[in-house]
Protein backbone atom coordinates (compact mmCIF):
# COMPACT_ATOMS: atom_id res chain seq x y z
CA MET A 1 73.02 78.72 115.76
CA ASN A 2 71.84 75.80 117.83
CA THR A 3 73.86 72.66 117.08
CA ALA A 4 73.88 68.99 117.98
CA VAL A 5 76.82 66.62 117.93
CA VAL A 6 76.65 63.56 115.68
CA ASN A 7 79.26 60.89 116.29
CA VAL A 8 80.08 58.84 113.22
CA LYS A 9 82.79 56.23 112.82
CA VAL A 10 84.83 57.02 109.73
CA ASP A 11 88.05 55.56 108.34
CA PRO A 12 90.76 58.09 109.35
CA LYS A 13 92.17 58.18 105.80
CA ILE A 14 88.72 58.92 104.36
CA LYS A 15 88.19 61.69 106.92
CA LYS A 16 91.54 63.30 106.13
CA GLN A 17 90.92 63.14 102.37
CA ALA A 18 87.42 64.57 102.78
CA GLN A 19 88.78 67.40 104.95
CA LYS A 20 91.34 68.25 102.25
CA VAL A 21 88.67 68.33 99.54
CA ALA A 22 86.33 70.43 101.68
CA GLU A 23 89.17 72.82 102.54
CA ALA A 24 90.10 73.16 98.86
CA LEU A 25 86.49 74.17 98.24
CA GLY A 26 86.67 76.69 101.08
CA LEU A 27 84.38 74.66 103.31
CA SER A 28 84.62 72.85 106.61
CA LEU A 29 83.86 69.14 106.75
CA SER A 30 81.04 69.99 109.14
CA SER A 31 79.40 72.31 106.58
CA VAL A 32 79.70 69.62 103.90
CA VAL A 33 78.04 67.03 106.15
CA ASN A 34 75.27 69.52 107.02
CA ALA A 35 74.69 70.21 103.32
CA TYR A 36 74.44 66.47 102.60
CA LEU A 37 71.97 66.03 105.47
CA ARG A 38 69.85 68.95 104.21
CA GLN A 39 69.83 67.36 100.74
CA LEU A 40 68.76 64.02 102.25
CA ILE A 41 65.86 65.71 104.02
CA LYS A 42 64.84 67.69 100.94
CA THR A 43 65.01 64.84 98.39
CA ARG A 44 64.49 61.84 100.67
CA ARG A 45 67.16 60.12 98.56
CA VAL A 46 70.74 59.01 99.02
CA GLU A 47 72.89 59.24 95.92
CA PHE A 48 76.45 58.14 95.40
CA SER A 49 78.45 58.95 92.34
CA ASP A 50 81.95 58.22 91.18
CA VAL A 51 81.52 60.03 87.89
CA ARG A 52 84.77 61.23 86.40
CA LEU A 53 84.02 64.33 84.39
CA GLU A 54 85.95 64.58 81.16
CA PRO A 55 86.57 68.01 79.62
CA THR A 56 85.01 68.56 76.23
CA PRO A 57 87.30 68.78 73.17
CA TYR A 58 86.74 72.56 73.15
CA THR A 59 87.75 72.84 76.82
CA LYS A 60 90.87 70.74 76.17
CA ARG A 61 91.83 73.05 73.27
CA MET A 62 91.30 76.15 75.41
CA LEU A 63 93.39 74.67 78.24
CA ARG A 64 96.23 73.85 75.83
CA GLN A 65 96.05 77.39 74.40
CA SER A 66 96.07 78.88 77.90
CA GLU A 67 99.15 76.84 78.81
CA LYS A 68 100.91 78.12 75.66
CA ASP A 69 99.92 81.71 76.47
CA ILE A 70 101.22 81.39 80.02
CA LYS A 71 104.55 79.94 78.85
CA ALA A 72 104.86 82.77 76.30
CA GLY A 73 104.18 85.37 79.00
CA TYR A 74 100.80 86.48 77.72
CA VAL A 75 99.48 87.01 81.22
CA SER A 76 98.58 90.13 83.11
CA PRO A 77 100.69 91.38 85.99
CA VAL A 78 99.67 90.51 89.55
CA PHE A 79 97.40 93.11 91.13
CA GLU A 80 97.05 94.12 94.77
CA ASN A 81 93.43 95.22 94.41
CA VAL A 82 90.48 95.29 92.01
CA GLU A 83 90.92 98.94 91.12
CA ASP A 84 94.45 98.30 89.79
CA SER A 85 93.25 95.37 87.70
CA ILE A 86 90.44 97.44 86.17
CA ALA A 87 92.88 100.29 85.49
CA TRP A 88 95.17 97.81 83.67
CA LEU A 89 92.26 96.55 81.58
CA ASP A 90 91.28 100.12 80.68
CA ASP A 91 94.85 101.25 79.92
CA PRO A 92 95.45 101.34 76.14
CA ASP A 93 99.22 101.06 76.81
CA ALA A 94 98.91 98.00 79.12
CA LYS A 95 101.44 95.24 78.51
CA TYR A 96 101.56 91.55 79.31
CA GLN A 97 104.35 90.18 81.49
CA ASN A 98 106.37 89.40 78.33
CA GLY A 99 106.20 93.07 77.31
CA HIS A 100 103.79 92.65 74.40
CA PRO A 101 100.85 95.06 74.24
CA ALA A 102 97.70 93.74 75.85
CA ARG A 103 95.56 95.07 72.99
């Protein structure tokens, strides 16, 4: 891929935070900047948002239930590969980590 270098002055703290967010998303900061530039070209708009998304009441209930299940041990074992996880799901005698039947 042919590339060009763009030099931009950025607050070092902002750069470091942006790199952490990009890394958490499995992206490089360079790929994020390229995506933003492509979007700028496509839409001919610049948008900024500081929207804080709030989970719905249903999502909050499900998260609370999941936390309870995890504390009670109602979680599957850890698998090394996909085949083992599918075998566990198909096994009528499968048990959660707390020993209770998975069915």
